[in-house]
C-alpha atoms as a PDB file:
ATOM      1  CA  MET A   1      28.720 168.522 116.527  1.00  0.00           C
ATOM      2  CA  ILE A   2      29.623 165.244 118.225  1.00  0.00           C
ATOM      3  CA  SER A   3      32.652 163.102 117.444  1.00  0.00           C
ATOM      4  CA  ILE A   4      32.387 159.387 118.252  1.00  0.00           C
ATOM      5  CA  ILE A   5      35.801 157.773 118.653  1.00  0.00           C
ATOM      6  CA  ILE A   6      36.157 153.994 118.486  1.00  0.00           C
ATOM      7  CA  VAL A   7      39.459 152.186 118.987  1.00  0.00           C
ATOM      8  CA  SER A   8      39.517 148.721 117.422  1.00  0.00           C
ATOM      9  CA  TYR A   9      41.774 145.714 117.678  1.00  0.00           C
ATOM     10  CA  ASN A  10      40.334 142.670 115.892  1.00  0.00           C
ATOM     11  CA  ARG A  11      36.809 141.357 116.663  1.00  0.00           C
ATOM     12  CA  LEU A  12      35.243 142.535 113.413  1.00  0.00           C
ATOM     13  CA  ASP A  13      31.937 141.088 114.593  1.00  0.00           C
ATOM     14  CA  LEU A  14      31.855 143.542 117.489  1.00  0.00           C
ATOM     15  CA  VAL A  15      33.114 146.469 115.410  1.00  0.00           C
ATOM     16  CA  GLU A  16      30.286 145.906 112.945  1.00  0.00           C
ATOM     17  CA  LYS A  17      27.649 145.814 115.693  1.00  0.00           C
ATOM     18  CA  CYS A  18      29.141 148.855 117.424  1.00  0.00           C
ATOM     19  CA  LEU A  19      29.128 150.887 114.203  1.00  0.00           C
ATOM     20  CA  VAL A  20      25.543 149.909 113.430  1.00  0.00           C
ATOM     21  CA  SER A  21      24.426 151.346 116.767  1.00  0.00           C
ATOM     22  CA  ALA A  22      26.627 154.440 116.426  1.00  0.00           C
ATOM     23  CA  VAL A  23      25.272 155.283 112.968  1.00  0.00           C
ATOM     24  CA  LYS A  24      21.659 154.453 113.812  1.00  0.00           C
ATOM     25  CA  TYR A  25      21.403 156.326 117.108  1.00  0.00           C
ATOM     26  CA  SER A  26      23.528 159.421 116.461  1.00  0.00           C
ATOM     27  CA  PRO A  27      22.528 162.789 114.979  1.00  0.00           C
ATOM     28  CA  LYS A  28      23.050 163.029 111.228  1.00  0.00           C
ATOM     29  CA  ASP A  29      25.995 165.409 111.483  1.00  0.00           C
ATOM     30  CA  THR A  30      27.883 163.147 113.911  1.00  0.00           C
ATOM     31  CA  GLU A  31      31.526 162.536 113.042  1.00  0.00           C
ATOM     32  CA  ILE A  32      32.692 158.945 113.565  1.00  0.00           C
ATOM     33  CA  ILE A  33      36.414 158.193 113.804  1.00  0.00           C
ATOM     34  CA  LEU A  34      37.737 154.642 113.879  1.00  0.00           C
ATOM     35  CA  VAL A  35      41.295 154.160 115.163  1.00  0.00           C
ATOM     36  CA  ASP A  36      42.490 150.674 114.281  1.00  0.00           C
ATOM     37  CA  ASN A  37      45.435 149.281 116.208  1.00  0.00           C
ATOM     38  CA  ASN A  38      46.874 147.077 113.469  1.00  0.00           C
ATOM     39  CA  SER A  39      44.156 144.409 113.550  1.00  0.00           C
ATOM     40  CA  THR A  40      44.919 141.140 111.810  1.00  0.00           C
ATOM     41  CA  GLU A  41      41.280 141.070 110.700  1.00  0.00           C
ATOM     42  CA  ASP A  42      40.456 143.409 107.815  1.00  0.00           C
ATOM     43  CA  ILE A  43      38.530 145.937 109.881  1.00  0.00           C
ATOM     44  CA  VAL A  44      39.895 148.880 107.916  1.00  0.00           C
ATOM     45  CA  GLY A  45      38.795 147.353 104.611  1.00  0.00           C
ATOM     46  CA  PHE A  46      35.347 146.567 105.972  1.00  0.00           C
ATOM     47  CA  VAL A  47      34.798 150.106 107.260  1.00  0.00           C
ATOM     48  CA  LYS A  48      36.056 151.737 104.049  1.00  0.00           C
ATOM     49  CA  LYS A  49      33.634 149.653 102.016  1.00  0.00           C
ATOM     50  CA  THR A  50      30.611 149.773 104.314  1.00  0.00           C
ATOM     51  CA  TYR A  51      30.942 153.220 105.882  1.00  0.00           C
ATOM     52  CA  PRO A  52      32.927 155.408 103.461  1.00  0.00           C
ATOM     53  CA  LYS A  53      32.138 158.565 105.461  1.00  0.00           C
ATOM     54  CA  ILE A  54      33.836 157.264 108.606  1.00  0.00           C
ATOM     55  CA  LYS A  55      37.310 158.688 109.155  1.00  0.00           C
ATOM     56  CA  ILE A  56      39.906 155.942 109.666  1.00  0.00           C
ATOM     57  CA  ILE A  57      43.250 156.141 111.423  1.00  0.00           C
ATOM     58  CA  ALA A  58      45.175 152.922 110.745  1.00  0.00           C
ATOM     59  CA  ASN A  59      48.118 152.382 113.081  1.00  0.00           C
ATOM     60  CA  PRO A  60      51.102 150.253 112.004  1.00  0.00           C
ATOM     61  CA  LYS A  61      51.129 148.587 115.439  1.00  0.00           C
ATOM     62  CA  ASN A  62      48.910 148.182 118.500  1.00  0.00           C
ATOM     63  CA  LEU A  63      49.309 151.452 120.420  1.00  0.00           C
ATOM     64  CA  GLY A  64      46.756 150.585 123.094  1.00  0.00           C
ATOM     65  CA  PHE A  65      43.526 152.174 124.260  1.00  0.00           C
ATOM     66  CA  ALA A  66      44.908 155.423 125.671  1.00  0.00           C
ATOM     67  CA  LYS A  67      47.087 156.389 122.687  1.00  0.00           C
ATOM     68  CA  GLY A  68      44.436 155.300 120.223  1.00  0.00           C
ATOM     69  CA  ASN A  69      41.756 157.457 121.790  1.00  0.00           C
ATOM     70  CA  ASN A  70      44.129 160.407 122.032  1.00  0.00           C
ATOM     71  CA  GLN A  71      44.803 160.078 118.305  1.00  0.00           C
ATOM     72  CA  GLY A  72      41.090 160.130 117.635  1.00  0.00           C
ATOM     73  CA  MET A  73      40.469 163.154 119.846  1.00  0.00           C
ATOM     74  CA  ARG A  74      43.303 165.102 118.239  1.00  0.00           C
ATOM     75  CA  ALA A  75      41.710 164.494 114.846  1.00  0.00           C
ATOM     76  CA  ALA A  76      38.135 165.149 116.008  1.00  0.00           C
ATOM     77  CA  LYS A  77      36.183 168.275 115.089  1.00  0.00           C
ATOM     78  CA  GLY A  78      33.254 167.913 117.481  1.00  0.00           C
ATOM     79  CA  GLU A  79      32.323 169.986 120.507  1.00  0.00           C
ATOM     80  CA  TYR A  80      31.849 166.759 122.449  1.00  0.00           C
ATOM     81  CA  PHE A  81      33.817 163.508 122.241  1.00  0.00           C
ATOM     82  CA  LEU A  82      32.035 160.197 122.802  1.00  0.00           C
ATOM     83  CA  LEU A  83      34.570 157.452 123.452  1.00  0.00           C
ATOM     84  CA  LEU A  84      32.991 154.107 122.644  1.00  0.00           C
ATOM     85  CA  ASN A  85      34.429 150.616 123.054  1.00  0.00           C
ATOM     86  CA  THR A  86      33.906 148.175 120.211  1.00  0.00           C
ATOM     87  CA  ASP A  87      31.958 145.923 122.598  1.00  0.00           C
ATOM     88  CA  ALA A  88      29.625 148.760 123.634  1.00  0.00           C
ATOM     89  CA  PHE A  89      26.416 149.305 121.677  1.00  0.00           C
ATOM     90  CA  LEU A  90      24.427 152.503 121.956  1.00  0.00           C
ATOM     91  CA  GLU A  91      20.697 152.470 122.560  1.00  0.00           C
ATOM     92  CA  LYS A  92      18.143 154.920 121.191  1.00  0.00           C
ATOM     93  CA  ASN A  93      18.615 158.552 122.272  1.00  0.00           C
ATOM     94  CA  ALA A  94      21.801 157.774 124.237  1.00  0.00           C
ATOM     95  CA  VAL A  95      23.949 160.275 122.333  1.00  0.00           C
ATOM     96  CA  SER A  96      21.417 163.098 122.400  1.00  0.00           C
ATOM     97  CA  THR A  97      20.680 162.521 126.101  1.00  0.00           C
ATOM     98  CA  LEU A  98      24.361 162.681 127.043  1.00  0.00           C
ATOM     99  CA  THR A  99      24.864 165.770 124.876  1.00  0.00           C
ATOM    100  CA  LYS A 100      21.914 167.648 126.364  1.00  0.00           C
ATOM    101  CA  PHE A 101      23.133 166.839 129.859  1.00  0.00           C
ATOM    102  CA  LEU A 102      26.526 168.390 129.140  1.00  0.00           C
ATOM    103  CA  ASP A 103      24.840 171.392 127.522  1.00  0.00           C
ATOM    104  CA  TYR A 104      23.050 172.185 130.784  1.00  0.00           C
ATOM    105  CA  HIS A 105      25.749 171.125 133.271  1.00  0.00           C
ATOM    106  CA  PRO A 106      28.870 173.252 132.839  1.00  0.00           C
ATOM    107  CA  ASP A 107      30.347 171.617 135.959  1.00  0.00           C
ATOM    108  CA  ALA A 108      30.396 168.238 134.179  1.00  0.00           C
ATOM    109  CA  GLY A 109      33.750 167.137 132.805  1.00  0.00           C
ATOM    110  CA  ALA A 110      32.608 163.639 131.884  1.00  0.00           C
ATOM    111  CA  VAL A 111      29.319 161.768 131.754  1.00  0.00           C
ATOM    112  CA  GLY A 112      28.633 158.076 131.350  1.00  0.00           C
ATOM    113  CA  PRO A 113      25.352 156.261 130.614  1.00  0.00           C
ATOM    114  CA  LYS A 114      23.749 153.325 132.363  1.00  0.00           C
ATOM    115  CA  LEU A 115      25.527 150.219 131.101  1.00  0.00           C
ATOM    116  CA  LEU A 116      23.660 146.963 130.661  1.00  0.00           C
ATOM    117  CA  ASN A 117      24.920 143.412 130.323  1.00  0.00           C
ATOM    118  CA  ALA A 118      23.966 141.369 127.273  1.00  0.00           C
ATOM    119  CA  ASN A 119      20.988 139.935 129.195  1.00  0.00           C
ATOM    120  CA  GLY A 120      19.699 143.416 130.038  1.00  0.00           C
ATOM    121  CA  SER A 121      20.800 143.424 133.670  1.00  0.00           C
ATOM    122  CA  LEU A 122      22.600 146.371 135.240  1.00  0.00           C
ATOM    123  CA  GLN A 123      26.365 146.536 134.816  1.00  0.00           C
ATOM    124  CA  PRO A 124      28.020 148.628 137.562  1.00  0.00           C
ATOM    125  CA  SER A 125      30.083 151.236 135.756  1.00  0.00           C
ATOM    126  CA  ALA A 126      31.539 153.772 138.177  1.00  0.00           C
ATOM    127  CA  GLY A 127      33.377 154.155 141.445  1.00  0.00           C
ATOM    128  CA  TYR A 128      35.898 156.004 143.565  1.00  0.00           C
ATOM    129  CA  PHE A 129      39.594 156.680 143.173  1.00  0.00           C
ATOM    130  CA  PRO A 130      42.028 154.041 144.501  1.00  0.00           C
ATOM    131  CA  ASN A 131      43.710 155.145 147.700  1.00  0.00           C
ATOM    132  CA  LEU A 132      44.889 153.358 150.818  1.00  0.00           C
ATOM    133  CA  TRP A 133      41.349 153.038 152.171  1.00  0.00           C
ATOM    134  CA  THR A 134      39.536 152.007 148.982  1.00  0.00           C
ATOM    135  CA  VAL A 135      42.302 149.547 148.039  1.00  0.00           C
ATOM    136  CA  PHE A 136      41.904 147.935 151.464  1.00  0.00           C
ATOM    137  CA  LEU A 137      38.128 147.686 150.983  1.00  0.00           C
ATOM    138  CA  ILE A 138      38.313 146.045 147.569  1.00  0.00           C
ATOM    139  CA  MET A 139      41.188 143.659 148.322  1.00  0.00           C
ATOM    140  CA  SER A 140      39.586 142.524 151.597  1.00  0.00           C
ATOM    141  CA  THR A 141      36.226 142.219 149.748  1.00  0.00           C
ATOM    142  CA  ILE A 142      34.526 144.187 152.534  1.00  0.00           C
ATOM    143  CA  ASP A 143      33.166 146.574 149.900  1.00  0.00           C
ATOM    144  CA  ASN A 144      31.093 143.696 148.487  1.00  0.00           C
ATOM    145  CA  TRP A 145      29.536 142.510 151.738  1.00  0.00           C
ATOM    146  CA  PRO A 146      25.729 142.980 151.569  1.00  0.00           C
ATOM    147  CA  PHE A 147      25.523 145.494 154.431  1.00  0.00           C
ATOM    148  CA  PHE A 148      28.715 147.472 153.853  1.00  0.00           C
ATOM    149  CA  LYS A 149      28.453 147.849 150.079  1.00  0.00           C
ATOM    150  CA  LYS A 150      25.431 150.114 150.542  1.00  0.00           C
ATOM    151  CA  PHE A 151      27.452 152.953 152.014  1.00  0.00           C
ATOM    152  CA  LEU A 152      31.196 152.266 151.835  1.00  0.00           C
ATOM    153  CA  PRO A 153      33.113 153.868 148.945  1.00  0.00           C
ATOM    154  CA  SER A 154      34.628 151.368 146.558  1.00  0.00           C
ATOM    155  CA  ILE A 155      36.885 151.509 143.540  1.00  0.00           C
ATOM    156  CA  HIS A 156      34.070 149.583 141.824  1.00  0.00           C
ATOM    157  CA  VAL A 157      30.677 150.428 143.325  1.00  0.00           C
ATOM    158  CA  ARG A 158      28.617 147.227 143.334  1.00  0.00           C
ATOM    159  CA  ASN A 159      25.451 148.430 145.037  1.00  0.00           C
ATOM    160  CA  PRO A 160      22.710 148.474 142.341  1.00  0.00           C
ATOM    161  CA  GLN A 161      20.830 151.209 144.188  1.00  0.00           C
ATOM    162  CA  ALA A 162      23.754 153.578 143.582  1.00  0.00           C
ATOM    163  CA  PHE A 163      22.935 153.479 139.859  1.00  0.00           C
ATOM    164  CA  SER A 164      19.246 154.333 140.127  1.00  0.00           C
ATOM    165  CA  LYS A 165      19.545 158.103 139.688  1.00  0.00           C
ATOM    166  CA  THR A 166      21.708 160.833 138.177  1.00  0.00           C
ATOM    167  CA  ARG A 167      24.679 161.486 140.426  1.00  0.00           C
ATOM    168  CA  THR A 168      28.406 162.119 140.584  1.00  0.00           C
ATOM    169  CA  PHE A 169      31.124 159.537 141.062  1.00  0.00           C
ATOM    170  CA  ASP A 170      34.894 159.964 141.144  1.00  0.00           C
ATOM    171  CA  TRP A 171      35.024 158.200 137.789  1.00  0.00           C
ATOM    172  CA  VAL A 172      32.782 156.534 135.236  1.00  0.00           C
ATOM    173  CA  THR A 173      33.922 153.768 132.932  1.00  0.00           C
ATOM    174  CA  GLY A 174      35.605 154.539 129.631  1.00  0.00           C
ATOM    175  CA  ALA A 175      33.595 151.903 127.766  1.00  0.00           C
ATOM    176  CA  CYS A 176      31.146 154.644 126.861  1.00  0.00           C
ATOM    177  CA  ILE A 177      31.913 158.154 128.070  1.00  0.00           C
ATOM    178  CA  MET A 178      31.283 161.649 126.732  1.00  0.00           C
ATOM    179  CA  ILE A 179      33.720 164.475 127.418  1.00  0.00           C
ATOM    180  CA  PRO A 180      33.575 168.107 126.243  1.00  0.00           C
ATOM    181  CA  ARG A 181      36.328 169.299 123.939  1.00  0.00           C
ATOM    182  CA  SER A 182      36.992 172.127 126.402  1.00  0.00           C
ATOM    183  CA  VAL A 183      37.904 169.567 129.098  1.00  0.00           C
ATOM    184  CA  TYR A 184      40.139 167.686 126.672  1.00  0.00           C
ATOM    185  CA  ASN A 185      41.905 170.955 125.827  1.00  0.00           C
ATOM    186  CA  LEU A 186      42.584 171.566 129.526  1.00  0.00           C
ATOM    187  CA  THR A 187      43.826 168.056 130.320  1.00  0.00           C
ATOM    188  CA  HIS A 188      45.187 166.758 126.970  1.00  0.00           C
ATOM    189  CA  GLY A 189      43.438 163.405 127.233  1.00  0.00           C
ATOM    190  CA  PHE A 190      44.692 160.088 128.533  1.00  0.00           C
ATOM    191  CA  ASP A 191      48.069 159.482 130.123  1.00  0.00           C
ATOM    192  CA  GLU A 192      49.716 157.416 127.383  1.00  0.00           C
ATOM    193  CA  ASN A 193      51.822 155.498 129.879  1.00  0.00           C
ATOM    194  CA  TYR A 194      48.671 153.429 130.379  1.00  0.00           C
ATOM    195  CA  PHE A 195      48.228 150.812 127.669  1.00  0.00           C
ATOM    196  CA  MET A 196      44.843 149.462 128.769  1.00  0.00           C
ATOM    197  CA  TYR A 197      42.920 149.504 132.079  1.00  0.00           C
ATOM    198  CA  GLY A 198      42.836 152.372 134.536  1.00  0.00           C
ATOM    199  CA  GLU A 199      43.470 155.146 132.025  1.00  0.00           C
ATOM    200  CA  GLU A 200      39.976 156.646 132.282  1.00  0.00           C
ATOM    201  CA  LEU A 201      40.234 156.663 136.066  1.00  0.00           C
ATOM    202  CA  GLU A 202      43.556 158.535 135.976  1.00  0.00           C
ATOM    203  CA  TRP A 203      42.239 161.062 133.449  1.00  0.00           C
ATOM    204  CA  GLN A 204      39.154 161.760 135.524  1.00  0.00           C
ATOM    205  CA  TYR A 205      41.347 162.294 138.573  1.00  0.00           C
ATOM    206  CA  ARG A 206      43.046 165.155 136.739  1.00  0.00           C
ATOM    207  CA  ILE A 207      39.647 166.419 135.587  1.00  0.00           C
ATOM    208  CA  ASN A 208      38.374 166.262 139.184  1.00  0.00           C
ATOM    209  CA  LYS A 209      41.351 168.292 140.407  1.00  0.00           C
ATOM    210  CA  LEU A 210      40.166 171.138 138.176  1.00  0.00           C
ATOM    211  CA  GLY A 211      36.885 171.208 140.094  1.00  0.00           C
ATOM    212  CA  ILE A 212      35.013 169.493 137.257  1.00  0.00           C
ATOM    213  CA  LYS A 213      32.843 166.465 138.023  1.00  0.00           C
ATOM    214  CA  SER A 214      32.156 163.050 136.527  1.00  0.00           C
ATOM    215  CA  TYR A 215      28.459 162.200 136.243  1.00  0.00           C
ATOM    216  CA  TYR A 216      26.481 159.008 135.833  1.00  0.00           C
ATOM    217  CA  LEU A 217      23.293 159.429 133.791  1.00  0.00           C
ATOM    218  CA  PRO A 218      20.847 156.475 133.876  1.00  0.00           C
ATOM    219  CA  THR A 219      18.482 157.983 131.296  1.00  0.00           C
ATOM    220  CA  ALA A 220      21.117 157.294 128.616  1.00  0.00           C
ATOM    221  CA  LYS A 221      21.795 153.602 128.011  1.00  0.00           C
ATOM    222  CA  ALA A 222      24.247 151.322 126.247  1.00  0.00           C
ATOM    223  CA  THR A 223      24.920 147.598 126.284  1.00  0.00           C
ATOM    224  CA  HIS A 224      28.481 146.596 127.173  1.00  0.00           C
ATOM    225  CA  LEU A 225      29.767 143.047 126.825  1.00  0.00           C
ATOM    226  CA  GLY A 226      33.093 143.467 128.662  1.00  0.00           C
ATOM    227  CA  PHE A 227      36.313 141.417 128.455  1.00  0.00           C
ATOM    228  CA  SER A 228      36.183 141.294 124.654  1.00  0.00           C
ATOM    229  CA  SER A 229      39.807 142.478 124.370  1.00  0.00           C
ATOM    230  CA  SER A 230      41.191 140.392 127.207  1.00  0.00           C
ATOM    231  CA  SER A 231      40.235 137.586 129.557  1.00  0.00           C
ATOM    232  CA  PRO A 232      38.967 138.204 133.123  1.00  0.00           C
ATOM    233  CA  ALA A 233      42.318 136.918 134.369  1.00  0.00           C
ATOM    234  CA  ASN A 234      44.366 139.303 132.258  1.00  0.00           C
ATOM    235  CA  GLY A 235      41.971 142.096 133.104  1.00  0.00           C
ATOM    236  CA  ALA A 236      42.475 141.492 136.826  1.00  0.00           C
ATOM    237  CA  ILE A 237      46.258 141.580 136.447  1.00  0.00           C
ATOM    238  CA  LYS A 238      46.209 144.798 134.402  1.00  0.00           C
ATOM    239  CA  GLU A 239      43.774 146.520 136.724  1.00  0.00           C
ATOM    240  CA  LEU A 240      45.859 145.848 139.818  1.00  0.00           C
ATOM    241  CA  GLN A 241      48.945 147.086 137.998  1.00  0.00           C
ATOM    242  CA  SER A 242      47.104 150.298 137.138  1.00  0.00           C
ATOM    243  CA  ILE A 243      46.124 150.781 140.799  1.00  0.00           C
ATOM    244  CA  ILE A 244      49.771 150.604 141.787  1.00  0.00           C
ATOM    245  CA  GLU A 245      50.773 153.058 139.046  1.00  0.00           C
ATOM    246  CA  PHE A 246      47.998 155.470 139.990  1.00  0.00           C
ATOM    247  CA  ASN A 247      49.100 155.553 143.622  1.00  0.00           C
ATOM    248  CA  LYS A 248      52.769 155.877 142.727  1.00  0.00           C
ATOM    249  CA  LYS A 249      51.786 158.987 140.800  1.00  0.00           C
ATOM    250  CA  TYR A 250      49.369 160.593 143.261  1.00  0.00           C
ATOM    251  CA  SER A 251      49.710 159.133 146.770  1.00  0.00           C
ATOM    252  CA  PRO A 252      52.343 159.903 149.436  1.00  0.00           C
ATOM    253  CA  GLY A 253      55.393 157.683 149.077  1.00  0.00           C
ATOM    254  CA  TRP A 254      54.979 156.103 152.501  1.00  0.00           C
ATOM    255  CA  GLN A 255      51.629 154.631 151.444  1.00  0.00           C
ATOM    256  CA  ILE A 256      52.972 152.666 148.491  1.00  0.00           C
ATOM    257  CA  PRO A 257      54.491 149.750 150.481  1.00  0.00           C
ATOM    258  CA  LEU A 258      51.254 149.473 152.466  1.00  0.00           C
ATOM    259  CA  ILE A 259      49.129 149.450 149.314  1.00  0.00           C
ATOM    260  CA  LYS A 260      51.365 146.788 147.755  1.00  0.00           C
ATOM    261  CA  ALA A 261      51.118 144.665 150.900  1.00  0.00           C
ATOM    262  CA  ILE A 262      47.322 144.979 150.942  1.00  0.00           C
ATOM    263  CA  ILE A 263      47.125 143.986 147.282  1.00  0.00           C
ATOM    264  CA  ILE A 264      49.380 140.961 147.815  1.00  0.00           C
ATOM    265  CA  LEU A 265      47.296 139.777 150.779  1.00  0.00           C
ATOM    266  CA  GLY A 266      44.146 140.274 148.728  1.00  0.00           C
ATOM    267  CA  CYS A 267      45.657 138.236 145.896  1.00  0.00           C
ATOM    268  CA  ILE A 268      46.444 135.417 148.315  1.00  0.00           C
ATOM    269  CA  LEU A 269      42.818 135.414 149.510  1.00  0.00           C
ATOM    270  CA  ARG A 270      41.634 135.132 145.912  1.00  0.00           C
ATOM    271  CA  ILE A 271      44.083 132.319 145.147  1.00  0.00           C
ATOM    272  CA  ILE A 272      42.689 130.382 148.107  1.00  0.00           C
ATOM    273  CA  ARG A 273      39.165 131.018 146.874  1.00  0.00           C
ATOM    274  CA  GLY A 274      40.144 129.817 143.402  1.00  0.00           C
ATOM    275  CA  LEU A 275      41.528 126.600 144.826  1.00  0.00           C
ATOM    276  CA  ILE A 276      38.340 125.951 146.789  1.00  0.00           C
ATOM    277  CA  GLN A 277      35.710 127.020 144.253  1.00  0.00           C
ATOM    278  CA  PRO A 278      35.927 125.447 140.767  1.00  0.00           C
ATOM    279  CA  LYS A 279      34.055 128.365 139.138  1.00  0.00           C
ATOM    280  CA  SER A 280      36.716 130.741 140.493  1.00  0.00           C
ATOM    281  CA  ARG A 281      39.665 128.628 139.325  1.00  0.00           C
ATOM    282  CA  TRP A 282      40.792 131.368 136.901  1.00  0.00           C
ATOM    283  CA  MET A 283      41.773 133.422 139.956  1.00  0.00           C
ATOM    284  CA  VAL A 284      44.651 131.120 140.863  1.00  0.00           C
ATOM    285  CA  LEU A 285      46.930 131.907 137.921  1.00  0.00           C
ATOM    286  CA  ALA A 286      45.740 135.503 137.552  1.00  0.00           C
ATOM    287  CA  TYR A 287      46.495 136.547 141.103  1.00  0.00           C
ATOM    288  CA  TYR A 288      49.647 134.442 141.291  1.00  0.00           C
ATOM    289  CA  GLU A 289      50.927 136.395 138.272  1.00  0.00           C
ATOM    290  CA  SER A 290      49.849 139.622 139.990  1.00  0.00           C
ATOM    291  CA  ILE A 291      51.920 138.789 143.074  1.00  0.00           C
ATOM    292  CA  ARG A 292      54.941 138.058 140.885  1.00  0.00           C
ATOM    293  CA  ASN A 293      54.514 141.454 139.224  1.00  0.00           C
ATOM    294  CA  TYR A 294      54.319 143.307 142.547  1.00  0.00           C
ATOM    295  CA  PHE A 295      57.536 141.803 143.805  1.00  0.00           C
ATOM    296  CA  LYS A 296      59.208 143.369 140.754  1.00  0.00           C
ATOM    297  CA  PHE A 297      58.214 146.909 141.676  1.00  0.00           C
END
């Protein structure tokens, strides 16, 4: 049995589309759990009326992505948990393909499908853990240079060729990810100190330390819109904060000042770019706010 867990916060239009795909492309005995984080839109009422078999957990306040998913997993009965964002829409056979992969790969602690943008193009959806080296690569943008991005590790792998076949990564995105119950039992799910952004990366780090791998499986597919719960600017701020928190938890103490310095310099580069390029203007405020946050640490 598979349990699909969806954490919602407003955007009824996306919740409806997400549920349509989950119901249509899942085995008949699939359990679907919706955890609503106190939406101002009547998502709970809509689901009760339209999908009476779906289990609903209605929170009195917004607990965030990590806590919401943990609630869903604690209530789930399935052998496998599929965590699905409200802006992620499953395609045909995605659930069964992910399930069969886990059935035959006992070394897999997590598996994510190929994610597509709304226009059908590839959406990079995996990468490597943030450490001194990978933080330097992403903040200097070297990891996105045409030659280097083919072989350098990056927190966000941007080389399309890296997503052409089944393979392991340090982490795969939590927008659509399947995890065995046995792995959840060993690791107890997300670190609830994360509200949103970076929580799936931190969880998979703990999974990886158990000798269990995260896989990317291109034969399973889902469409993911992205930035439906926050703007690109807010997303950038939250992601950089999560990188700092991750390294404070797992990296040697002497590296933290260096990582902060690299992030600040990278933010300055992006502010300059935002001032020069009108289409990148959102970077100015976002990375200015990031710098202010880092000086508070």
